PDB file of N, CA and C in Angstrom:
ATOM      1  N   MET A   1     -26.337 -21.208  58.375  1.00  0.00           N
ATOM      2  CA  MET A   1     -25.442 -20.523  57.466  1.00  0.00           C
ATOM      3  C   MET A   1     -24.082 -20.374  58.168  1.00  0.00           C
ATOM      4  N   THR A   2     -22.997 -20.546  57.420  1.00  0.00           N
ATOM      5  CA  THR A   2     -21.659 -20.420  57.990  1.00  0.00           C
ATOM      6  C   THR A   2     -21.237 -18.956  58.041  1.00  0.00           C
ATOM      7  N   ASP A   3     -20.185 -18.688  58.850  1.00  0.00           N
ATOM      8  CA  ASP A   3     -19.649 -17.324  58.907  1.00  0.00           C
ATOM      9  C   ASP A   3     -19.194 -16.862  57.532  1.00  0.00           C
ATOM     10  N   GLU A   4     -18.592 -17.761  56.783  1.00  0.00           N
ATOM     11  CA  GLU A   4     -18.120 -17.429  55.434  1.00  0.00           C
ATOM     12  C   GLU A   4     -19.279 -17.019  54.523  1.00  0.00           C
ATOM     13  N   GLN A   5     -20.399 -17.703  54.649  1.00  0.00           N
ATOM     14  CA  GLN A   5     -21.584 -17.358  53.852  1.00  0.00           C
ATOM     15  C   GLN A   5     -22.151 -15.992  54.269  1.00  0.00           C
ATOM     16  N   TYR A   6     -22.183 -15.732  55.585  1.00  0.00           N
ATOM     17  CA  TYR A   6     -22.650 -14.427  56.066  1.00  0.00           C
ATOM     18  C   TYR A   6     -21.789 -13.300  55.506  1.00  0.00           C
ATOM     19  N   ILE A   7     -20.478 -13.505  55.564  1.00  0.00           N
ATOM     20  CA  ILE A   7     -19.558 -12.485  55.049  1.00  0.00           C
ATOM     21  C   ILE A   7     -19.783 -12.268  53.564  1.00  0.00           C
ATOM     22  N   HIS A   8     -19.936 -13.349  52.809  1.00  0.00           N
ATOM     23  CA  HIS A   8     -20.126 -13.231  51.362  1.00  0.00           C
ATOM     24  C   HIS A   8     -21.421 -12.478  51.042  1.00  0.00           C
ATOM     25  N   ILE A   9     -22.484 -12.821  51.752  1.00  0.00           N
ATOM     26  CA  ILE A   9     -23.766 -12.137  51.520  1.00  0.00           C
ATOM     27  C   ILE A   9     -23.661 -10.663  51.903  1.00  0.00           C
ATOM     28  N   ALA A  10     -22.982 -10.359  53.002  1.00  0.00           N
ATOM     29  CA  ALA A  10     -22.803  -8.956  53.409  1.00  0.00           C
ATOM     30  C   ALA A  10     -22.024  -8.192  52.345  1.00  0.00           C
ATOM     31  N   MET A  11     -20.986  -8.819  51.785  1.00  0.00           N
ATOM     32  CA  MET A  11     -20.197  -8.172  50.729  1.00  0.00           C
ATOM     33  C   MET A  11     -21.058  -7.943  49.486  1.00  0.00           C
ATOM     34  N   LEU A  12     -21.805  -8.962  49.093  1.00  0.00           N
ATOM     35  CA  LEU A  12     -22.680  -8.816  47.917  1.00  0.00           C
ATOM     36  C   LEU A  12     -23.724  -7.736  48.140  1.00  0.00           C
ATOM     37  N   ASN A  13     -24.321  -7.721  49.327  1.00  0.00           N
ATOM     38  CA  ASN A  13     -25.339  -6.713  49.620  1.00  0.00           C
ATOM     39  C   ASN A  13     -24.747  -5.302  49.589  1.00  0.00           C
ATOM     40  N   SER A  14     -23.585  -5.120  50.208  1.00  0.00           N
ATOM     41  CA  SER A  14     -22.946  -3.801  50.176  1.00  0.00           C
ATOM     42  C   SER A  14     -22.586  -3.423  48.748  1.00  0.00           C
ATOM     43  N   PHE A  15     -22.078  -4.377  47.989  1.00  0.00           N
ATOM     44  CA  PHE A  15     -21.757  -4.126  46.578  1.00  0.00           C
ATOM     45  C   PHE A  15     -23.001  -3.657  45.830  1.00  0.00           C
ATOM     46  N   ASN A  16     -24.106  -4.360  46.013  1.00  0.00           N
ATOM     47  CA  ASN A  16     -25.329  -4.013  45.286  1.00  0.00           C
ATOM     48  C   ASN A  16     -25.885  -2.651  45.693  1.00  0.00           C
ATOM     49  N   VAL A  17     -25.746  -2.287  46.955  1.00  0.00           N
ATOM     50  CA  VAL A  17     -26.197  -0.966  47.407  1.00  0.00           C
ATOM     51  C   VAL A  17     -25.283   0.126  46.853  1.00  0.00           C
ATOM     52  N   VAL A  18     -23.976  -0.075  46.992  1.00  0.00           N
ATOM     53  CA  VAL A  18     -23.011   0.941  46.554  1.00  0.00           C
ATOM     54  C   VAL A  18     -23.104   1.180  45.054  1.00  0.00           C
ATOM     55  N   THR A  19     -23.330   0.134  44.278  1.00  0.00           N
ATOM     56  CA  THR A  19     -23.405   0.279  42.824  1.00  0.00           C
ATOM     57  C   THR A  19     -24.808   0.630  42.334  1.00  0.00           C
ATOM     58  N   GLY A  20     -25.766   0.734  43.253  1.00  0.00           N
ATOM     59  CA  GLY A  20     -27.118   1.129  42.880  1.00  0.00           C
ATOM     60  C   GLY A  20     -27.947   0.019  42.254  1.00  0.00           C
ATOM     61  N   LYS A  21     -27.533  -1.212  42.434  1.00  0.00           N
ATOM     62  CA  LYS A  21     -28.276  -2.335  41.862  1.00  0.00           C
ATOM     63  C   LYS A  21     -29.498  -2.703  42.708  1.00  0.00           C
ATOM     64  N   ILE A  22     -29.504  -2.244  43.968  1.00  0.00           N
ATOM     65  CA  ILE A  22     -30.634  -2.495  44.859  1.00  0.00           C
ATOM     66  C   ILE A  22     -30.803  -1.280  45.766  1.00  0.00           C
ATOM     67  N   SER A  23     -32.030  -0.982  46.108  1.00  0.00           N
ATOM     68  CA  SER A  23     -32.280   0.126  47.040  1.00  0.00           C
ATOM     69  C   SER A  23     -32.148  -0.386  48.469  1.00  0.00           C
ATOM     70  N   ILE A  24     -31.939   0.532  49.373  1.00  0.00           N
ATOM     71  CA  ILE A  24     -31.833   0.160  50.787  1.00  0.00           C
ATOM     72  C   ILE A  24     -33.141  -0.480  51.251  1.00  0.00           C
ATOM     73  N   GLU A  25     -34.258   0.065  50.792  1.00  0.00           N
ATOM     74  CA  GLU A  25     -35.562  -0.466  51.190  1.00  0.00           C
ATOM     75  C   GLU A  25     -35.736  -1.908  50.715  1.00  0.00           C
ATOM     76  N   ASP A  26     -35.386  -2.181  49.466  1.00  0.00           N
ATOM     77  CA  ASP A  26     -35.503  -3.543  48.957  1.00  0.00           C
ATOM     78  C   ASP A  26     -34.612  -4.500  49.738  1.00  0.00           C
ATOM     79  N   LEU A  27     -33.439  -4.028  50.095  1.00  0.00           N
ATOM     80  CA  LEU A  27     -32.526  -4.857  50.877  1.00  0.00           C
ATOM     81  C   LEU A  27     -33.122  -5.163  52.247  1.00  0.00           C
ATOM     82  N   LEU A  28     -33.694  -4.152  52.892  1.00  0.00           N
ATOM     83  CA  LEU A  28     -34.273  -4.360  54.217  1.00  0.00           C
ATOM     84  C   LEU A  28     -35.436  -5.349  54.180  1.00  0.00           C
ATOM     85  N   TYR A  29     -36.252  -5.276  53.147  1.00  0.00           N
ATOM     86  CA  TYR A  29     -37.402  -6.170  53.050  1.00  0.00           C
ATOM     87  C   TYR A  29     -37.036  -7.568  52.569  1.00  0.00           C
ATOM     88  N   SER A  30     -35.814  -7.757  52.101  1.00  0.00           N
ATOM     89  CA  SER A  30     -35.413  -9.067  51.580  1.00  0.00           C
ATOM     90  C   SER A  30     -35.168 -10.091  52.688  1.00  0.00           C
ATOM     91  N   GLY A  31     -34.902  -9.609  53.893  1.00  0.00           N
ATOM     92  CA  GLY A  31     -34.573 -10.528  54.974  1.00  0.00           C
ATOM     93  C   GLY A  31     -33.090 -10.866  55.005  1.00  0.00           C
ATOM     94  N   LEU A  32     -32.357 -10.443  54.004  1.00  0.00           N
ATOM     95  CA  LEU A  32     -30.904 -10.654  53.941  1.00  0.00           C
ATOM     96  C   LEU A  32     -30.202  -9.317  54.096  1.00  0.00           C
ATOM     97  N   ASN A  33     -30.540  -8.595  55.140  1.00  0.00           N
ATOM     98  CA  ASN A  33     -30.064  -7.226  55.276  1.00  0.00           C
ATOM     99  C   ASN A  33     -28.719  -7.121  56.002  1.00  0.00           C
ATOM    100  N   MET A  34     -27.804  -8.000  55.662  1.00  0.00           N
ATOM    101  CA  MET A  34     -26.439  -7.935  56.199  1.00  0.00           C
ATOM    102  C   MET A  34     -25.589  -7.125  55.229  1.00  0.00           C
ATOM    103  N   VAL A  35     -24.831  -6.168  55.760  1.00  0.00           N
ATOM    104  CA  VAL A  35     -23.951  -5.340  54.946  1.00  0.00           C
ATOM    105  C   VAL A  35     -22.664  -5.083  55.727  1.00  0.00           C
ATOM    106  N   ILE A  36     -21.645  -4.565  55.040  1.00  0.00           N
ATOM    107  CA  ILE A  36     -20.412  -4.230  55.736  1.00  0.00           C
ATOM    108  C   ILE A  36     -20.273  -2.719  55.955  1.00  0.00           C
ATOM    109  N   HIS A  37     -21.256  -1.972  55.526  1.00  0.00           N
ATOM    110  CA  HIS A  37     -21.225  -0.523  55.711  1.00  0.00           C
ATOM    111  C   HIS A  37     -22.615  -0.037  56.073  1.00  0.00           C
ATOM    112  N   LEU A  38     -22.712   1.200  56.522  1.00  0.00           N
ATOM    113  CA  LEU A  38     -24.021   1.786  56.804  1.00  0.00           C
ATOM    114  C   LEU A  38     -24.627   2.239  55.478  1.00  0.00           C
ATOM    115  N   PRO A  39     -25.627   1.541  54.996  1.00  0.00           N
ATOM    116  CA  PRO A  39     -26.169   1.865  53.666  1.00  0.00           C
ATOM    117  C   PRO A  39     -26.838   3.226  53.574  1.00  0.00           C
ATOM    118  N   SER A  40     -27.198   3.812  54.694  1.00  0.00           N
ATOM    119  CA  SER A  40     -27.831   5.138  54.664  1.00  0.00           C
ATOM    120  C   SER A  40     -26.812   6.262  54.502  1.00  0.00           C
ATOM    121  N   GLU A  41     -25.509   5.923  54.556  1.00  0.00           N
ATOM    122  CA  GLU A  41     -24.449   6.910  54.403  1.00  0.00           C
ATOM    123  C   GLU A  41     -23.553   6.528  53.237  1.00  0.00           C
ATOM    124  N   ASP A  42     -22.771   7.498  52.753  1.00  0.00           N
ATOM    125  CA  ASP A  42     -21.785   7.186  51.721  1.00  0.00           C
ATOM    126  C   ASP A  42     -20.780   6.202  52.291  1.00  0.00           C
ATOM    127  N   ILE A  43     -20.344   5.289  51.456  1.00  0.00           N
ATOM    128  CA  ILE A  43     -19.388   4.289  51.920  1.00  0.00           C
ATOM    129  C   ILE A  43     -18.046   4.933  52.218  1.00  0.00           C
ATOM    130  N   GLU A  44     -17.405   4.463  53.277  1.00  0.00           N
ATOM    131  CA  GLU A  44     -16.097   4.972  53.674  1.00  0.00           C
ATOM    132  C   GLU A  44     -15.029   4.364  52.782  1.00  0.00           C
ATOM    133  N   GLU A  45     -13.935   5.092  52.636  1.00  0.00           N
ATOM    134  CA  GLU A  45     -12.835   4.639  51.788  1.00  0.00           C
ATOM    135  C   GLU A  45     -12.325   3.269  52.230  1.00  0.00           C
ATOM    136  N   GLU A  46     -12.119   3.086  53.517  1.00  0.00           N
ATOM    137  CA  GLU A  46     -11.591   1.819  54.041  1.00  0.00           C
ATOM    138  C   GLU A  46     -12.505   0.645  53.701  1.00  0.00           C
ATOM    139  N   LYS A  47     -13.807   0.833  53.855  1.00  0.00           N
ATOM    140  CA  LYS A  47     -14.763  -0.246  53.570  1.00  0.00           C
ATOM    141  C   LYS A  47     -14.760  -0.582  52.080  1.00  0.00           C
ATOM    142  N   LEU A  48     -14.660   0.428  51.259  1.00  0.00           N
ATOM    143  CA  LEU A  48     -14.626   0.195  49.816  1.00  0.00           C
ATOM    144  C   LEU A  48     -13.376  -0.593  49.429  1.00  0.00           C
ATOM    145  N   LEU A  49     -12.250  -0.264  50.030  1.00  0.00           N
ATOM    146  CA  LEU A  49     -11.013  -0.998  49.757  1.00  0.00           C
ATOM    147  C   LEU A  49     -11.108  -2.442  50.244  1.00  0.00           C
ATOM    148  N   ILE A  50     -11.763  -2.653  51.374  1.00  0.00           N
ATOM    149  CA  ILE A  50     -11.978  -4.017  51.883  1.00  0.00           C
ATOM    150  C   ILE A  50     -12.824  -4.818  50.896  1.00  0.00           C
ATOM    151  N   MET A  51     -13.866  -4.180  50.371  1.00  0.00           N
ATOM    152  CA  MET A  51     -14.722  -4.863  49.394  1.00  0.00           C
ATOM    153  C   MET A  51     -13.942  -5.222  48.135  1.00  0.00           C
ATOM    154  N   ILE A  52     -13.141  -4.292  47.641  1.00  0.00           N
ATOM    155  CA  ILE A  52     -12.346  -4.554  46.436  1.00  0.00           C
ATOM    156  C   ILE A  52     -11.416  -5.731  46.685  1.00  0.00           C
ATOM    157  N   ALA A  53     -10.743  -5.739  47.828  1.00  0.00           N
ATOM    158  CA  ALA A  53      -9.823  -6.832  48.159  1.00  0.00           C
ATOM    159  C   ALA A  53     -10.563  -8.160  48.281  1.00  0.00           C
ATOM    160  N   TYR A  54     -11.747  -8.130  48.881  1.00  0.00           N
ATOM    161  CA  TYR A  54     -12.534  -9.360  49.032  1.00  0.00           C
ATOM    162  C   TYR A  54     -12.906  -9.942  47.675  1.00  0.00           C
ATOM    163  N   PHE A  55     -13.456  -9.111  46.813  1.00  0.00           N
ATOM    164  CA  PHE A  55     -13.882  -9.608  45.505  1.00  0.00           C
ATOM    165  C   PHE A  55     -12.694 -10.032  44.652  1.00  0.00           C
ATOM    166  N   GLU A  56     -11.571  -9.389  44.832  1.00  0.00           N
ATOM    167  CA  GLU A  56     -10.369  -9.811  44.115  1.00  0.00           C
ATOM    168  C   GLU A  56      -9.944 -11.205  44.584  1.00  0.00           C
ATOM    169  N   LYS A  57      -9.957 -11.412  45.893  1.00  0.00           N
ATOM    170  CA  LYS A  57      -9.606 -12.716  46.459  1.00  0.00           C
ATOM    171  C   LYS A  57     -10.556 -13.810  45.957  1.00  0.00           C
ATOM    172  N   GLU A  58     -11.799 -13.453  45.808  1.00  0.00           N
ATOM    173  CA  GLU A  58     -12.802 -14.402  45.325  1.00  0.00           C
ATOM    174  C   GLU A  58     -12.816 -14.527  43.798  1.00  0.00           C
ATOM    175  N   GLU A  59     -11.921 -13.807  43.151  1.00  0.00           N
ATOM    176  CA  GLU A  59     -11.808 -13.790  41.689  1.00  0.00           C
ATOM    177  C   GLU A  59     -13.096 -13.331  41.014  1.00  0.00           C
ATOM    178  N   MET A  60     -13.764 -12.374  41.641  1.00  0.00           N
ATOM    179  CA  MET A  60     -14.976 -11.770  41.088  1.00  0.00           C
ATOM    180  C   MET A  60     -14.571 -10.408  40.514  1.00  0.00           C
ATOM    181  N   TYR A  61     -13.911 -10.475  39.373  1.00  0.00           N
ATOM    182  CA  TYR A  61     -13.232  -9.301  38.816  1.00  0.00           C
ATOM    183  C   TYR A  61     -14.170  -8.235  38.276  1.00  0.00           C
ATOM    184  N   GLU A  62     -15.350  -8.616  37.811  1.00  0.00           N
ATOM    185  CA  GLU A  62     -16.298  -7.612  37.329  1.00  0.00           C
ATOM    186  C   GLU A  62     -16.711  -6.692  38.479  1.00  0.00           C
ATOM    187  N   GLU A  63     -16.912  -7.285  39.653  1.00  0.00           N
ATOM    188  CA  GLU A  63     -17.261  -6.496  40.824  1.00  0.00           C
ATOM    189  C   GLU A  63     -16.102  -5.572  41.204  1.00  0.00           C
ATOM    190  N   CYS A  64     -14.887  -6.099  41.120  1.00  0.00           N
ATOM    191  CA  CYS A  64     -13.697  -5.281  41.418  1.00  0.00           C
ATOM    192  C   CYS A  64     -13.642  -4.057  40.508  1.00  0.00           C
ATOM    193  N   ILE A  65     -13.899  -4.266  39.237  1.00  0.00           N
ATOM    194  CA  ILE A  65     -13.831  -3.170  38.267  1.00  0.00           C
ATOM    195  C   ILE A  65     -14.862  -2.092  38.610  1.00  0.00           C
ATOM    196  N   GLU A  66     -16.088  -2.509  38.899  1.00  0.00           N
ATOM    197  CA  GLU A  66     -17.130  -1.532  39.240  1.00  0.00           C
ATOM    198  C   GLU A  66     -16.782  -0.760  40.504  1.00  0.00           C
ATOM    199  N   LEU A  67     -16.289  -1.483  41.511  1.00  0.00           N
ATOM    200  CA  LEU A  67     -15.931  -0.824  42.763  1.00  0.00           C
ATOM    201  C   LEU A  67     -14.727   0.086  42.594  1.00  0.00           C
ATOM    202  N   ARG A  68     -13.782  -0.305  41.761  1.00  0.00           N
ATOM    203  CA  ARG A  68     -12.598   0.524  41.516  1.00  0.00           C
ATOM    204  C   ARG A  68     -13.003   1.834  40.850  1.00  0.00           C
ATOM    205  N   LYS A  69     -13.970   1.778  39.932  1.00  0.00           N
ATOM    206  CA  LYS A  69     -14.457   3.008  39.303  1.00  0.00           C
ATOM    207  C   LYS A  69     -15.071   3.943  40.343  1.00  0.00           C
ATOM    208  N   ILE A  70     -15.861   3.367  41.231  1.00  0.00           N
ATOM    209  CA  ILE A  70     -16.484   4.166  42.291  1.00  0.00           C
ATOM    210  C   ILE A  70     -15.406   4.739  43.207  1.00  0.00           C
ATOM    211  N   TYR A  71     -14.429   3.920  43.541  1.00  0.00           N
ATOM    212  CA  TYR A  71     -13.325   4.390  44.389  1.00  0.00           C
ATOM    213  C   TYR A  71     -12.602   5.566  43.733  1.00  0.00           C
ATOM    214  N   ASP A  72     -12.285   5.408  42.449  1.00  0.00           N
ATOM    215  CA  ASP A  72     -11.570   6.469  41.750  1.00  0.00           C
ATOM    216  C   ASP A  72     -12.383   7.769  41.710  1.00  0.00           C
ATOM    217  N   GLU A  73     -13.687   7.652  41.528  1.00  0.00           N
ATOM    218  CA  GLU A  73     -14.536   8.843  41.488  1.00  0.00           C
ATOM    219  C   GLU A  73     -14.623   9.523  42.852  1.00  0.00           C
ATOM    220  N   LYS A  74     -14.718   8.730  43.923  1.00  0.00           N
ATOM    221  CA  LYS A  74     -14.929   9.289  45.254  1.00  0.00           C
ATOM    222  C   LYS A  74     -13.646   9.692  45.964  1.00  0.00           C
ATOM    223  N   PHE A  75     -12.589   8.917  45.769  1.00  0.00           N
ATOM    224  CA  PHE A  75     -11.426   9.094  46.631  1.00  0.00           C
ATOM    225  C   PHE A  75     -10.125   9.393  45.903  1.00  0.00           C
ATOM    226  N   SER A  76     -10.140   9.419  44.604  1.00  0.00           N
ATOM    227  CA  SER A  76      -8.899   9.685  43.884  1.00  0.00           C
ATOM    228  C   SER A  76      -8.501  11.133  44.108  1.00  0.00           C
ATOM    229  N   GLU A  77      -7.289  11.330  44.562  1.00  0.00           N
ATOM    230  CA  GLU A  77      -6.803  12.679  44.824  1.00  0.00           C
ATOM    231  C   GLU A  77      -5.913  13.183  43.700  1.00  0.00           C
ATOM    232  N   ILE A  78      -5.773  12.400  42.679  1.00  0.00           N
ATOM    233  CA  ILE A  78      -4.903  12.786  41.580  1.00  0.00           C
ATOM    234  C   ILE A  78      -5.645  13.773  40.695  1.00  0.00           C
ATOM    235  N   THR A  79      -5.169  14.963  40.667  1.00  0.00           N
ATOM    236  CA  THR A  79      -5.719  15.967  39.765  1.00  0.00           C
ATOM    237  C   THR A  79      -4.550  16.570  39.007  1.00  0.00           C
ATOM    238  N   ILE A  80      -4.673  16.584  37.750  1.00  0.00           N
ATOM    239  CA  ILE A  80      -3.624  17.136  36.908  1.00  0.00           C
ATOM    240  C   ILE A  80      -4.121  18.473  36.370  1.00  0.00           C
ATOM    241  N   PRO A  81      -3.615  19.545  36.925  1.00  0.00           N
ATOM    242  CA  PRO A  81      -4.081  20.845  36.439  1.00  0.00           C
ATOM    243  C   PRO A  81      -3.603  21.094  35.023  1.00  0.00           C
ATOM    244  N   LYS A  82      -4.449  21.712  34.267  1.00  0.00           N
ATOM    245  CA  LYS A  82      -4.062  22.081  32.909  1.00  0.00           C
ATOM    246  C   LYS A  82      -3.154  23.298  32.988  1.00  0.00           C
ATOM    247  N   PRO A  83      -2.121  23.290  32.189  1.00  0.00           N
ATOM    248  CA  PRO A  83      -1.215  24.435  32.241  1.00  0.00           C
ATOM    249  C   PRO A  83      -1.878  25.690  31.698  1.00  0.00           C
ATOM    250  N   VAL A  84      -1.566  26.788  32.336  1.00  0.00           N
ATOM    251  CA  VAL A  84      -2.054  28.074  31.851  1.00  0.00           C
ATOM    252  C   VAL A  84      -0.952  28.632  30.953  1.00  0.00           C
ATOM    253  N   VAL A  85      -1.248  28.693  29.685  1.00  0.00           N
ATOM    254  CA  VAL A  85      -0.229  29.112  28.733  1.00  0.00           C
ATOM    255  C   VAL A  85      -0.795  30.229  27.869  1.00  0.00           C
ATOM    256  N   LYS A  86      -0.036  31.287  27.795  1.00  0.00           N
ATOM    257  CA  LYS A  86      -0.384  32.368  26.884  1.00  0.00           C
ATOM    258  C   LYS A  86       0.478  32.192  25.661  1.00  0.00           C
ATOM    259  N   ASN A  87       0.085  32.788  24.600  1.00  0.00           N
ATOM    260  CA  ASN A  87       0.885  32.727  23.390  1.00  0.00           C
ATOM    261  C   ASN A  87       0.957  31.300  22.824  1.00  0.00           C
ATOM    262  N   ILE A  88      -0.208  30.684  22.687  1.00  0.00           N
ATOM    263  CA  ILE A  88      -0.298  29.310  22.204  1.00  0.00           C
ATOM    264  C   ILE A  88      -0.393  29.302  20.675  1.00  0.00           C
ATOM    265  N   CYS A  89       0.271  28.328  20.093  1.00  0.00           N
ATOM    266  CA  CYS A  89       0.254  28.171  18.635  1.00  0.00           C
ATOM    267  C   CYS A  89      -1.168  27.919  18.143  1.00  0.00           C
ATOM    268  N   ASP A  90      -1.557  28.641  17.107  1.00  0.00           N
ATOM    269  CA  ASP A  90      -2.864  28.397  16.507  1.00  0.00           C
ATOM    270  C   ASP A  90      -2.719  28.053  15.024  1.00  0.00           C
ATOM    271  N   CYS A  91      -1.506  27.632  14.653  1.00  0.00           N
ATOM    272  CA  CYS A  91      -1.276  27.221  13.265  1.00  0.00           C
ATOM    273  C   CYS A  91      -2.126  25.997  12.941  1.00  0.00           C
ATOM    274  N   LYS A  92      -2.629  25.932  11.718  1.00  0.00           N
ATOM    275  CA  LYS A  92      -3.442  24.800  11.307  1.00  0.00           C
ATOM    276  C   LYS A  92      -2.632  23.512  11.350  1.00  0.00           C
ATOM    277  N   LYS A  93      -1.368  23.580  10.938  1.00  0.00           N
ATOM    278  CA  LYS A  93      -0.478  22.424  10.972  1.00  0.00           C
ATOM    279  C   LYS A  93       0.864  22.854  11.558  1.00  0.00           C
ATOM    280  N   PRO A  94       0.961  22.826  12.912  1.00  0.00           N
ATOM    281  CA  PRO A  94       2.211  23.250  13.534  1.00  0.00           C
ATOM    282  C   PRO A  94       3.380  22.341  13.133  1.00  0.00           C
ATOM    283  N   THR A  95       4.544  22.903  13.135  1.00  0.00           N
ATOM    284  CA  THR A  95       5.753  22.106  12.886  1.00  0.00           C
ATOM    285  C   THR A  95       6.532  22.030  14.187  1.00  0.00           C
ATOM    286  N   ILE A  96       7.284  20.947  14.347  1.00  0.00           N
ATOM    287  CA  ILE A  96       8.039  20.738  15.575  1.00  0.00           C
ATOM    288  C   ILE A  96       9.511  20.581  15.206  1.00  0.00           C
ATOM    289  N   PRO A  97      10.254  21.672  15.249  1.00  0.00           N
ATOM    290  CA  PRO A  97      11.663  21.600  14.879  1.00  0.00           C
ATOM    291  C   PRO A  97      12.533  20.973  15.963  1.00  0.00           C
ATOM    292  N   LYS A  98      12.104  21.076  17.237  1.00  0.00           N
ATOM    293  CA  LYS A  98      12.926  20.579  18.338  1.00  0.00           C
ATOM    294  C   LYS A  98      12.019  20.214  19.506  1.00  0.00           C
ATOM    295  N   TYR A  99      12.247  19.039  20.089  1.00  0.00           N
ATOM    296  CA  TYR A  99      11.492  18.626  21.258  1.00  0.00           C
ATOM    297  C   TYR A  99      12.229  19.080  22.519  1.00  0.00           C
ATOM    298  N   SER A 100      11.511  19.722  23.404  1.00  0.00           N
ATOM    299  CA  SER A 100      12.077  20.178  24.671  1.00  0.00           C
ATOM    300  C   SER A 100      10.939  20.254  25.683  1.00  0.00           C
ATOM    301  N   ARG A 101      11.220  20.760  26.869  1.00  0.00           N
ATOM    302  CA  ARG A 101      10.193  20.844  27.912  1.00  0.00           C
ATOM    303  C   ARG A 101       9.006  21.701  27.471  1.00  0.00           C
ATOM    304  N   SER A 102       9.236  22.762  26.785  1.00  0.00           N
ATOM    305  CA  SER A 102       8.134  23.549  26.236  1.00  0.00           C
ATOM    306  C   SER A 102       8.359  23.649  24.719  1.00  0.00           C
ATOM    307  N   VAL A 103       7.667  22.783  24.024  1.00  0.00           N
ATOM    308  CA  VAL A 103       7.837  22.691  22.575  1.00  0.00           C
ATOM    309  C   VAL A 103       7.208  23.900  21.906  1.00  0.00           C
ATOM    310  N   ARG A 104       7.956  24.500  20.988  1.00  0.00           N
ATOM    311  CA  ARG A 104       7.483  25.671  20.242  1.00  0.00           C
ATOM    312  C   ARG A 104       7.300  25.302  18.770  1.00  0.00           C
ATOM    313  N   CYS A 105       6.320  25.924  18.195  1.00  0.00           N
ATOM    314  CA  CYS A 105       6.032  25.710  16.769  1.00  0.00           C
ATOM    315  C   CYS A 105       7.162  26.307  15.931  1.00  0.00           C
ATOM    316  N   GLY A 106       7.586  25.563  14.934  1.00  0.00           N
ATOM    317  CA  GLY A 106       8.634  26.048  14.048  1.00  0.00           C
ATOM    318  C   GLY A 106       8.147  27.136  13.114  1.00  0.00           C
ATOM    319  N   THR A 107       6.856  27.268  12.924  1.00  0.00           N
ATOM    320  CA  THR A 107       6.310  28.264  12.016  1.00  0.00           C
ATOM    321  C   THR A 107       6.110  29.607  12.714  1.00  0.00           C
ATOM    322  N   CYS A 108       5.402  29.591  13.871  1.00  0.00           N
ATOM    323  CA  CYS A 108       5.065  30.844  14.539  1.00  0.00           C
ATOM    324  C   CYS A 108       5.854  31.094  15.821  1.00  0.00           C
ATOM    325  N   ASN A 109       6.607  30.124  16.266  1.00  0.00           N
ATOM    326  CA  ASN A 109       7.423  30.188  17.473  1.00  0.00           C
ATOM    327  C   ASN A 109       6.600  30.350  18.752  1.00  0.00           C
ATOM    328  N   LYS A 110       5.321  29.962  18.705  1.00  0.00           N
ATOM    329  CA  LYS A 110       4.497  29.981  19.901  1.00  0.00           C
ATOM    330  C   LYS A 110       4.480  28.570  20.479  1.00  0.00           C
ATOM    331  N   GLN A 111       4.129  28.463  21.783  1.00  0.00           N
ATOM    332  CA  GLN A 111       4.142  27.171  22.460  1.00  0.00           C
ATOM    333  C   GLN A 111       3.029  26.260  21.962  1.00  0.00           C
ATOM    334  N   ILE A 112       3.375  24.971  21.803  1.00  0.00           N
ATOM    335  CA  ILE A 112       2.408  23.943  21.407  1.00  0.00           C
ATOM    336  C   ILE A 112       2.029  23.160  22.657  1.00  0.00           C
ATOM    337  N   ILE A 113       0.757  22.933  22.841  1.00  0.00           N
ATOM    338  CA  ILE A 113       0.316  22.148  24.012  1.00  0.00           C
ATOM    339  C   ILE A 113       0.037  20.734  23.578  1.00  0.00           C
TER     340      ILE A 113
END
C-alpha cells in the first residue's frame, strides 16, 4: 500500500468514527485501524479542520458537509444573544411607520422585534 493510500484510509476511518458510521471496536477488528485522531477521545479542532481540507481537496464534498456540521456544533463560538426588551409590541398586526435601529409599532408605539 502506498503512503497516499494509508493517508486516505486513515482519513476515511477517522471520518467514519467521528460521524458515528462505525464504532471504535468495529474499526479495531477490521484490521484497517489507521486514523488521524485518537478515536477514544473527542476529535480536536485542528484534526477536524485537517479532515475537512483533505476531503475538500479530494472533492468529496458530502464528507466535507458532514464534518463542517460537526465542526460548527463543537467549535463554533458565534453566539447571538437575544435582546432583552421590555415593552414589546403585542399587536396582532403591527404597523411600521419608520425603520430605525429600534423599530416601534405605529399603533401602540412599543418596540417590534
